[in-house]
Amino acid sequence: MPQQSPLDLPEGDPFGPDNLPYGVFTTPQAPHLRKIGVRYGNQVLDAGAAAAATASPHAELLGASSLNPLMAAGRPVWQAVRAELRDWLTDPAHRPTIEPLMHPLNTLALHLPIEVADYVDFYASEHHASNVGKIFRPDGDALTPNWKHMPIGYHGRAGTVIVSGTPVVRPHGQHLPSAPRTSPAHAASNHAASNHAASLAPVFGPSLRLDFEAEVAFVVGAPSPLNTPVPLSGFHDHVFGVCLLNDWSARDVQSWEYRPLGPFLGKSFATSVAAWITPLEALAPARTSPPARDVPLLPYLDDSAAEPGGLDLRIEVAVNGHTISRPPFSAMYWTAAQQLAHMTVNGASLRTGDLFASGTVSGPDPAERGCLLELTWGGRDPVPLSDSAARTFLEDGDEVTLTAWAPGPDGARIALGDVTGHVVPATP
């Protein structure tokens, strides 16, 4: 019986010709030689070698060691390269050339696919923001007064963005002394408790309330000049692709340090991203309208006359193999185009490799909450993993995996690359 070609995919494979995500890999034979790869089923095409073998005009871009040169080339080049890749992988005439350039995915080492320039994280889910507000401010308004007027975000640390599979070391930091299952949110929930908390001396040590946040990230390709805001209509010209992201969070460190400036050491120790960047064009069938807005928007954010800016991404979160949440990205109040417009409206420029994330994705139902802070309501209600195990926050040895898919053409599915992180003990 003849051996099946690596170019023959099972029907409905979510990494088929309508997907074609990009990554960077090395082989055991050349562990220091990083190459751009394109995932096709459970195989990876050496894109640089394919471009050279077919005399592609994009051979230099695809022969680079990261995606940044390709991303900087701009949307017309992205479209042309994508068309070439699809042709190489699906036209039988190319099989003699392309088949030898395919590698089984499980034989490769995957690396961070982009050189990250800046990293910005937003707070775009109304359900998440409302839940957090109720946990931290049970006697006040769930949302801050500015929340429905602009996408709120913070600048993170680009140097600690890590690829899926990289171990996550439990961070050290300052936090208030408290029992492991007592949420620091409750200690800051009202005026009297805040005064009491402020009178306590913090301790220093490993975080006791390590959390995940299920997010979606957008990768900037084409840069923009300083002092030139990017309008909503410029989103597709600047954003190259999409990936899953886990914004690891030390909740006890975060709750002690965040007043008055916001996230800092409680977030900056690690941010995990997928090894595969799904081209924005692959998600065109998943476009959907965002939730109805009940507060008028300023003109630069008003997308009422624009094409649908939301994305129907179905995310699943598993801890140690047990699914604990299914957050729907279609429920996000602020779209990525609005985030990009707001991020640049003051004249801030974009750089190739900028990464901006959605913030925690949460839906209206308890089973759709995108972090343990929400799922356990600040540590009050442990989440069952099995008949004998439950979690309020993450323990050493836990493994968190985010997966997602989106509707594709003709009822197919487009899968996003997964993000996995394994928690290891704090360093001495």
Protein backbone atom coordinates (compact mmCIF):
# COMPACT_ATOMS: atom_id res chain seq x y z
CA MET A 1 0.00 0.00 0.00
CA PRO A 2 1.57 3.33 -1.01
CA GLN A 3 2.49 5.74 1.78
CA GLN A 4 0.06 8.64 2.17
CA SER A 5 1.39 11.99 1.05
CA PRO A 6 1.87 14.63 3.78
CA LEU A 7 -0.12 16.91 1.47
CA ASP A 8 -3.25 14.74 1.73
CA LEU A 9 -5.28 15.99 4.68
CA PRO A 10 -8.30 14.39 6.32
CA GLU A 11 -11.53 16.07 5.33
CA GLY A 12 -12.28 19.01 7.60
CA ASP A 13 -8.78 19.32 9.03
CA PRO A 14 -8.81 22.69 10.89
CA PHE A 15 -5.24 23.39 9.72
CA GLY A 16 -6.08 23.03 6.04
CA PRO A 17 -5.60 25.33 3.05
CA ASP A 18 -7.99 27.97 4.43
CA ASN A 19 -5.84 28.42 7.53
CA LEU A 20 -2.06 28.26 6.81
CA PRO A 21 -0.69 29.74 10.04
CA TYR A 22 2.95 30.84 10.24
CA GLY A 23 5.54 29.77 12.81
CA VAL A 24 9.28 29.42 13.32
CA PHE A 25 10.91 26.02 13.80
CA THR A 26 14.19 24.17 14.06
CA THR A 27 14.97 20.55 13.27
CA PRO A 28 17.02 18.11 15.36
CA GLN A 29 19.59 18.08 12.58
CA ALA A 30 20.06 21.88 12.71
CA PRO A 31 18.93 23.07 16.15
CA HIS A 32 20.39 26.56 15.73
CA LEU A 33 18.96 27.28 12.28
CA ARG A 34 15.56 28.89 12.66
CA LYS A 35 13.21 28.72 9.68
CA ILE A 36 9.77 30.02 8.84
CA GLY A 37 7.23 27.24 8.65
CA VAL A 38 3.60 27.01 7.61
CA ARG A 39 1.43 24.45 9.35
CA TYR A 40 -0.61 22.13 7.15
CA GLY A 41 -2.45 19.51 9.13
CA ASN A 42 0.14 17.89 11.37
CA GLN A 43 2.94 18.75 8.95
CA VAL A 44 5.03 21.89 8.58
CA LEU A 45 6.23 23.27 5.26
CA ASP A 46 9.71 24.78 5.18
CA ALA A 47 8.47 27.99 3.57
CA GLY A 48 11.90 29.40 2.83
CA ALA A 49 13.03 26.24 1.06
CA ALA A 50 9.77 26.11 -0.90
CA ALA A 51 10.18 29.72 -1.99
CA ALA A 52 13.74 29.06 -3.13
CA ALA A 53 12.78 25.87 -4.97
CA THR A 54 9.98 27.61 -6.87
CA ALA A 55 11.97 30.79 -7.59
CA SER A 56 9.45 32.84 -5.64
CA PRO A 57 10.00 36.61 -5.58
CA HIS A 58 9.42 36.36 -1.82
CA ALA A 59 12.24 33.89 -1.15
CA GLU A 60 14.24 36.38 0.92
CA LEU A 61 11.28 37.19 3.18
CA LEU A 62 10.37 33.53 3.70
CA GLY A 63 14.01 32.61 4.24
CA ALA A 64 14.31 34.84 7.31
CA SER A 65 14.64 33.51 10.86
CA SER A 66 11.51 35.33 12.12
CA LEU A 67 8.28 36.59 10.65
CA ASN A 68 9.17 40.27 11.11
CA PRO A 69 10.54 40.94 7.60
CA LEU A 70 7.47 39.37 6.01
CA MET A 71 5.15 41.26 8.38
CA ALA A 72 6.87 44.58 7.61
CA ALA A 73 6.35 44.08 3.86
CA GLY A 74 2.67 45.04 4.06
CA ARG A 75 -0.71 43.66 3.12
CA PRO A 76 -0.26 43.25 -0.66
CA VAL A 77 2.78 41.05 -0.01
CA TRP A 78 0.95 39.10 2.71
CA GLN A 79 -1.81 38.34 0.23
CA ALA A 80 0.60 37.36 -2.52
CA VAL A 81 2.59 35.03 -0.25
CA ARG A 82 -0.58 33.43 1.06
CA ALA A 83 -1.72 32.74 -2.50
CA GLU A 84 1.68 31.17 -3.30
CA LEU A 85 1.54 28.95 -0.22
CA ARG A 86 -1.93 27.74 -1.03
CA ASP A 87 -0.86 26.95 -4.58
CA TRP A 88 2.27 25.05 -3.48
CA LEU A 89 0.29 22.96 -0.99
CA THR A 90 -2.77 22.17 -3.10
CA ASP A 91 -1.68 22.04 -6.77
CA PRO A 92 -0.62 18.47 -7.66
CA ALA A 93 1.95 19.87 -10.08
CA HIS A 94 4.01 21.10 -7.12
CA ARG A 95 4.03 17.81 -5.21
CA PRO A 96 7.44 16.55 -6.36
CA THR A 97 8.99 19.83 -5.18
CA ILE A 98 6.97 20.43 -2.00
CA GLU A 99 6.60 16.94 -0.48
CA PRO A 100 10.30 16.62 0.47
CA LEU A 101 10.07 20.00 2.24
CA MET A 102 7.34 18.87 4.66
CA HIS A 103 8.27 17.97 8.25
CA PRO A 104 6.13 16.09 10.79
CA LEU A 105 5.11 18.61 13.44
CA ASN A 106 6.04 16.32 16.32
CA THR A 107 9.68 16.18 15.17
CA LEU A 108 10.26 19.94 15.35
CA ALA A 109 11.09 22.48 18.03
CA LEU A 110 8.88 25.57 17.83
CA HIS A 111 10.07 29.05 18.76
CA LEU A 112 8.65 32.50 19.36
CA PRO A 113 7.54 33.34 15.82
CA ILE A 114 8.02 37.11 16.03
CA GLU A 115 10.47 39.55 17.52
CA VAL A 116 8.14 41.40 19.89
CA ALA A 117 8.48 45.18 19.75
CA ASP A 118 5.93 46.59 22.23
CA TYR A 119 3.28 44.72 24.18
CA VAL A 120 -0.06 46.27 25.17
CA ASP A 121 -2.84 44.47 27.02
CA PHE A 122 -6.42 45.71 27.00
CA TYR A 123 -9.47 45.13 29.18
CA ALA A 124 -12.13 44.71 26.50
CA SER A 125 -14.67 42.27 27.96
CA GLU A 126 -17.58 43.93 29.74
CA HIS A 127 -18.38 40.65 31.48
CA HIS A 128 -14.83 40.30 32.79
CA ALA A 129 -14.55 43.96 33.82
CA SER A 130 -17.93 43.82 35.57
CA ASN A 131 -17.07 40.64 37.44
CA VAL A 132 -13.71 42.00 38.57
CA GLY A 133 -15.38 45.24 39.63
CA LYS A 134 -17.92 43.34 41.72
CA ILE A 135 -15.18 41.28 43.34
CA PHE A 136 -12.90 44.23 44.13
CA ARG A 137 -15.60 46.87 44.72
CA PRO A 138 -18.70 45.04 45.99
CA ASP A 139 -20.17 48.25 47.39
CA GLY A 140 -19.35 50.40 44.34
CA ASP A 141 -19.95 50.53 40.61
CA ALA A 142 -18.83 47.41 38.75
CA LEU A 143 -17.38 49.43 35.86
CA THR A 144 -15.20 52.50 36.18
CA PRO A 145 -16.73 55.70 34.69
CA ASN A 146 -14.44 55.65 31.64
CA TRP A 147 -14.86 51.98 30.69
CA LYS A 148 -17.55 52.37 28.01
CA HIS A 149 -15.97 55.47 26.53
CA MET A 150 -12.59 53.97 25.53
CA PRO A 151 -10.68 50.69 25.48
CA ILE A 152 -8.63 50.62 28.69
CA GLY A 153 -5.17 49.06 28.51
CA TYR A 154 -1.68 49.00 29.93
CA HIS A 155 1.81 48.58 28.51
CA GLY A 156 3.36 45.24 29.44
CA ARG A 157 6.85 43.83 29.18
CA ALA A 158 7.80 42.67 25.68
CA GLY A 159 10.91 40.86 26.92
CA THR A 160 8.91 38.29 28.90
CA VAL A 161 6.60 37.21 26.09
CA ILE A 162 7.32 33.48 25.74
CA VAL A 163 6.28 30.80 23.30
CA SER A 164 3.79 28.07 24.18
CA GLY A 165 5.40 25.22 26.08
CA THR A 166 7.89 27.38 27.95
CA PRO A 167 7.70 26.65 31.72
CA VAL A 168 6.21 29.43 33.85
CA VAL A 169 8.13 30.04 37.06
CA ARG A 170 6.00 31.10 40.01
CA PRO A 171 6.99 34.74 40.61
CA HIS A 172 8.15 36.41 43.80
CA GLY A 173 6.75 39.74 44.90
CA GLN A 174 5.32 41.85 47.66
CA HIS A 175 1.85 40.97 48.88
CA LEU A 176 -0.22 41.24 52.03
CA PRO A 177 -0.11 38.24 54.36
CA SER A 178 -3.31 36.22 54.09
CA ALA A 179 -4.54 32.67 53.92
CA PRO A 180 -4.08 31.05 50.49
CA ARG A 181 -7.84 30.75 49.87
CA THR A 182 -8.73 34.27 50.97
CA SER A 183 -8.96 36.63 48.04
CA PRO A 184 -6.93 39.83 48.34
CA ALA A 185 -9.86 41.47 46.60
CA HIS A 186 -11.97 41.14 49.73
CA ALA A 187 -9.27 42.86 51.79
CA ALA A 188 -9.58 45.88 49.53
CA SER A 189 -13.32 45.71 48.92
CA ASN A 190 -14.53 48.51 51.15
CA HIS A 191 -13.21 51.59 52.86
CA ALA A 192 -12.76 50.04 56.29
CA ALA A 193 -11.00 46.98 54.93
CA SER A 194 -8.77 49.18 52.78
CA ASN A 195 -7.70 51.18 55.79
CA HIS A 196 -6.97 47.96 57.65
CA ALA A 197 -5.02 46.52 54.72
CA ALA A 198 -3.00 49.70 54.40
CA SER A 199 -1.91 49.36 58.02
CA LEU A 200 -0.45 45.91 57.41
CA ALA A 201 3.15 45.38 56.40
CA PRO A 202 3.60 43.39 53.20
CA VAL A 203 5.60 40.19 53.02
CA PHE A 204 7.91 39.11 50.22
CA GLY A 205 7.80 35.67 48.68
CA PRO A 206 6.31 33.47 46.00
CA SER A 207 2.84 34.41 44.82
CA LEU A 208 0.10 32.34 46.45
CA ARG A 209 -2.55 33.36 43.93
CA LEU A 210 -1.19 32.57 40.52
CA ASP A 211 -3.79 32.84 37.77
CA PHE A 212 -4.19 32.54 34.00
CA GLU A 213 -6.07 34.86 31.67
CA ALA A 214 -7.49 33.54 28.40
CA GLU A 215 -6.88 36.19 25.75
CA VAL A 216 -6.56 36.76 22.01
CA ALA A 217 -3.60 38.76 20.67
CA PHE A 218 -3.13 40.70 17.46
CA VAL A 219 0.25 41.06 15.75
CA VAL A 220 1.18 44.30 14.00
CA GLY A 221 2.93 43.94 10.66
CA ALA A 222 3.15 47.23 8.80
CA PRO A 223 4.43 50.10 10.99
CA SER A 224 2.96 53.59 11.15
CA PRO A 225 4.68 57.00 11.38
CA LEU A 226 4.90 58.94 14.63
CA ASN A 227 2.08 61.45 15.10
CA THR A 228 -0.15 59.65 12.59
CA PRO A 229 -3.15 57.93 14.23
CA VAL A 230 -4.39 54.72 12.61
CA PRO A 231 -8.15 54.95 11.91
CA LEU A 232 -10.57 52.06 12.23
CA SER A 233 -10.34 51.58 8.48
CA GLY A 234 -6.57 51.03 8.71
CA PHE A 235 -6.81 47.91 10.85
CA HIS A 236 -6.44 45.39 8.00
CA ASP A 237 -3.47 47.24 6.54
CA HIS A 238 -1.49 47.07 9.77
CA VAL A 239 -2.49 43.84 11.54
CA PHE A 240 -0.82 40.72 10.17
CA GLY A 241 -2.41 38.01 12.26
CA VAL A 242 -3.96 36.60 15.41
CA CYS A 243 -2.87 34.19 18.13
CA LEU A 244 -3.98 32.95 21.51
CA LEU A 245 -2.32 34.48 24.57
CA ASN A 246 -2.20 33.66 28.28
CA ASP A 247 -1.59 36.70 30.45
CA TRP A 248 -0.29 35.01 33.62
CA SER A 249 -1.21 37.02 36.71
CA ALA A 250 -0.04 37.00 40.32
CA ARG A 251 -3.25 38.25 41.90
CA ASP A 252 -1.85 38.92 45.38
CA VAL A 253 1.07 40.93 43.98
CA GLN A 254 -1.31 42.72 41.61
CA SER A 255 -3.81 43.71 44.29
CA TRP A 256 -1.10 45.21 46.52
CA GLU A 257 0.72 47.16 43.82
CA TYR A 258 -2.00 48.26 41.39
CA ARG A 259 -3.07 51.41 43.22
CA PRO A 260 -2.68 53.99 41.75
CA LEU A 261 -0.93 53.05 38.48
CA GLY A 262 -2.17 49.61 37.47
CA PRO A 263 -0.55 46.27 36.53
CA PHE A 264 3.20 45.96 36.95
CA LEU A 265 5.10 43.07 38.56
CA GLY A 266 1.93 41.05 39.02
CA LYS A 267 1.79 40.69 35.22
CA SER A 268 5.26 41.24 33.78
CA PHE A 269 6.92 37.94 34.72
CA ALA A 270 5.48 35.88 31.82
CA THR A 271 3.04 36.14 28.92
CA SER A 272 2.59 32.99 26.84
CA VAL A 273 1.67 33.13 23.15
CA ALA A 274 0.95 30.44 20.58
CA ALA A 275 3.72 29.22 18.31
CA TRP A 276 1.44 29.82 15.30
CA ILE A 277 0.19 33.16 13.95
CA THR A 278 -3.06 32.78 12.02
CA PRO A 279 -3.26 35.30 9.15
CA LEU A 280 -6.04 37.82 9.64
CA GLU A 281 -7.35 36.93 6.19
CA ALA A 282 -8.00 33.35 7.33
CA LEU A 283 -10.52 34.62 9.87
CA ALA A 284 -12.63 36.63 7.42
CA PRO A 285 -15.55 34.14 7.67
CA ALA A 286 -15.54 34.58 11.45
CA ARG A 287 -16.22 38.31 11.42
CA THR A 288 -19.24 39.23 13.51
CA SER A 289 -20.85 42.32 14.96
CA PRO A 290 -19.79 43.24 18.50
CA PRO A 291 -22.38 43.58 21.28
CA ALA A 292 -24.67 46.58 21.10
CA ARG A 293 -23.13 49.67 22.67
CA ASP A 294 -25.28 51.63 25.10
CA VAL A 295 -23.01 54.67 25.39
CA PRO A 296 -22.33 56.96 22.38
CA LEU A 297 -18.76 56.69 21.10
CA LEU A 298 -16.42 59.45 20.05
CA PRO A 299 -15.95 59.61 16.27
CA TYR A 300 -12.55 57.89 16.15
CA LEU A 301 -14.05 54.84 17.92
CA ASP A 302 -17.48 54.85 16.30
CA ASP A 303 -17.69 51.67 14.20
CA SER A 304 -21.43 51.72 13.63
CA ALA A 305 -20.93 52.20 9.88
CA ALA A 306 -17.85 49.97 9.58
CA GLU A 307 -17.66 46.31 8.61
CA PRO A 308 -18.27 43.93 11.53
CA GLY A 309 -15.24 44.21 13.78
CA GLY A 310 -15.80 41.32 16.16
CA LEU A 311 -14.54 37.76 15.70
CA ASP A 312 -16.42 34.57 16.47
CA LEU A 313 -13.66 32.63 18.21
CA ARG A 314 -14.63 29.70 20.46
CA ILE A 315 -12.02 29.37 23.21
CA GLU A 316 -11.57 26.49 25.63
CA VAL A 317 -9.50 26.53 28.82
CA ALA A 318 -8.18 23.32 30.38
CA VAL A 319 -6.22 22.84 33.61
CA ASN A 320 -4.41 19.52 33.82
CA GLY A 321 -6.53 18.23 30.96
CA HIS A 322 -9.87 19.19 32.55
CA THR A 323 -11.93 21.77 30.68
CA ILE A 324 -13.02 24.47 33.11
CA SER A 325 -14.25 27.28 30.84
CA ARG A 326 -15.36 28.11 27.29
CA PRO A 327 -15.06 31.89 26.86
CA PRO A 328 -16.68 33.32 23.68
CA PHE A 329 -14.60 36.02 21.97
CA SER A 330 -17.70 37.23 20.11
CA ALA A 331 -18.92 38.73 23.40
CA MET A 332 -16.05 41.25 23.59
CA TYR A 333 -17.35 44.83 23.90
CA TRP A 334 -14.34 46.52 22.29
CA THR A 335 -12.97 45.26 18.97
CA ALA A 336 -9.33 44.94 17.97
CA ALA A 337 -9.79 47.73 15.41
CA GLN A 338 -11.01 50.06 18.15
CA GLN A 339 -8.10 49.06 20.35
CA LEU A 340 -5.62 49.83 17.57
CA ALA A 341 -7.30 53.19 16.86
CA HIS A 342 -7.23 54.14 20.53
CA MET A 343 -3.64 52.95 20.96
CA THR A 344 -2.46 55.35 18.24
CA VAL A 345 -4.91 58.27 18.56
CA ASN A 346 -2.41 60.30 20.60
CA GLY A 347 0.17 59.97 17.82
CA ALA A 348 1.92 56.86 19.13
CA SER A 349 3.53 54.96 16.27
CA LEU A 350 3.28 51.27 15.45
CA ARG A 351 6.32 49.06 15.02
CA THR A 352 6.55 45.74 13.24
CA GLY A 353 6.17 43.09 15.92
CA ASP A 354 3.93 45.12 18.22
CA LEU A 355 1.63 42.78 20.10
CA PHE A 356 -1.67 43.91 21.56
CA ALA A 357 -3.98 41.62 23.48
CA SER A 358 -7.71 41.71 24.11
CA GLY A 359 -7.67 41.30 27.86
CA THR A 360 -9.41 38.40 29.55
CA VAL A 361 -12.17 36.91 27.42
CA SER A 362 -15.32 36.20 29.44
CA GLY A 363 -18.92 35.58 28.56
CA PRO A 364 -22.18 36.17 30.42
CA ASP A 365 -22.40 32.67 31.91
CA PRO A 366 -20.31 31.44 34.86
CA ALA A 367 -18.91 28.63 32.71
CA GLU A 368 -17.59 31.25 30.25
CA ARG A 369 -15.31 33.16 32.63
CA GLY A 370 -11.73 33.47 31.42
CA CYS A 371 -9.65 33.39 34.61
CA LEU A 372 -9.64 31.80 38.05
CA LEU A 373 -10.23 35.15 39.76
CA GLU A 374 -13.69 35.15 38.17
CA LEU A 375 -14.33 31.41 38.13
CA THR A 376 -13.66 31.13 41.88
CA TRP A 377 -15.08 34.59 42.66
CA GLY A 378 -11.83 35.79 44.17
CA GLY A 379 -10.89 32.45 45.69
CA ARG A 380 -14.20 31.90 47.50
CA ASP A 381 -15.52 29.03 45.35
CA PRO A 382 -12.98 26.39 44.26
CA VAL A 383 -13.29 25.10 40.71
CA PRO A 384 -13.49 21.28 40.50
CA LEU A 385 -10.99 19.60 38.21
CA SER A 386 -12.06 16.06 39.04
CA ASP A 387 -13.80 14.16 41.84
CA SER A 388 -10.72 14.57 44.01
CA ALA A 389 -9.15 17.87 42.93
CA ALA A 390 -10.18 21.51 42.83
CA ARG A 391 -8.44 24.85 42.46
CA THR A 392 -8.85 28.37 43.74
CA PHE A 393 -5.56 29.46 42.16
CA LEU A 394 -2.85 27.55 40.32
CA GLU A 395 -0.54 25.14 42.11
CA ASP A 396 2.98 24.10 41.18
CA GLY A 397 2.84 21.38 38.54
CA ASP A 398 -0.43 22.61 37.01
CA GLU A 399 -0.64 22.88 33.24
CA VAL A 400 -2.96 25.39 31.56
CA THR A 401 -3.90 24.97 27.89
CA LEU A 402 -5.90 27.38 25.73
CA THR A 403 -7.37 26.16 22.45
CA ALA A 404 -9.72 27.88 20.01
CA TRP A 405 -11.42 27.58 16.65
CA ALA A 406 -13.40 29.86 14.38
CA PRO A 407 -15.98 29.24 11.67
CA GLY A 408 -14.38 28.87 8.24
CA PRO A 409 -15.79 28.73 4.73
CA ASP A 410 -18.55 26.23 3.92
CA GLY A 411 -18.98 25.06 7.50
CA ALA A 412 -15.30 24.24 8.04
CA ARG A 413 -13.33 25.14 11.15
CA ILE A 414 -10.20 27.26 11.41
CA ALA A 415 -8.11 26.27 14.43
CA LEU A 416 -5.79 28.64 16.25
CA GLY A 417 -2.52 27.33 17.60
CA ASP A 418 -2.85 26.30 21.24
CA VAL A 419 -1.06 27.90 24.20
CA THR A 420 0.24 25.69 26.99
CA GLY A 421 2.12 26.67 30.09
CA HIS A 422 3.38 24.46 32.92
CA VAL A 423 3.75 26.06 36.35
CA VAL A 424 7.04 25.30 38.09
CA PRO A 425 8.05 26.25 41.64
CA ALA A 426 9.50 29.63 42.44
CA THR A 427 13.27 29.84 42.34
CA PRO A 428 14.94 29.96 45.78
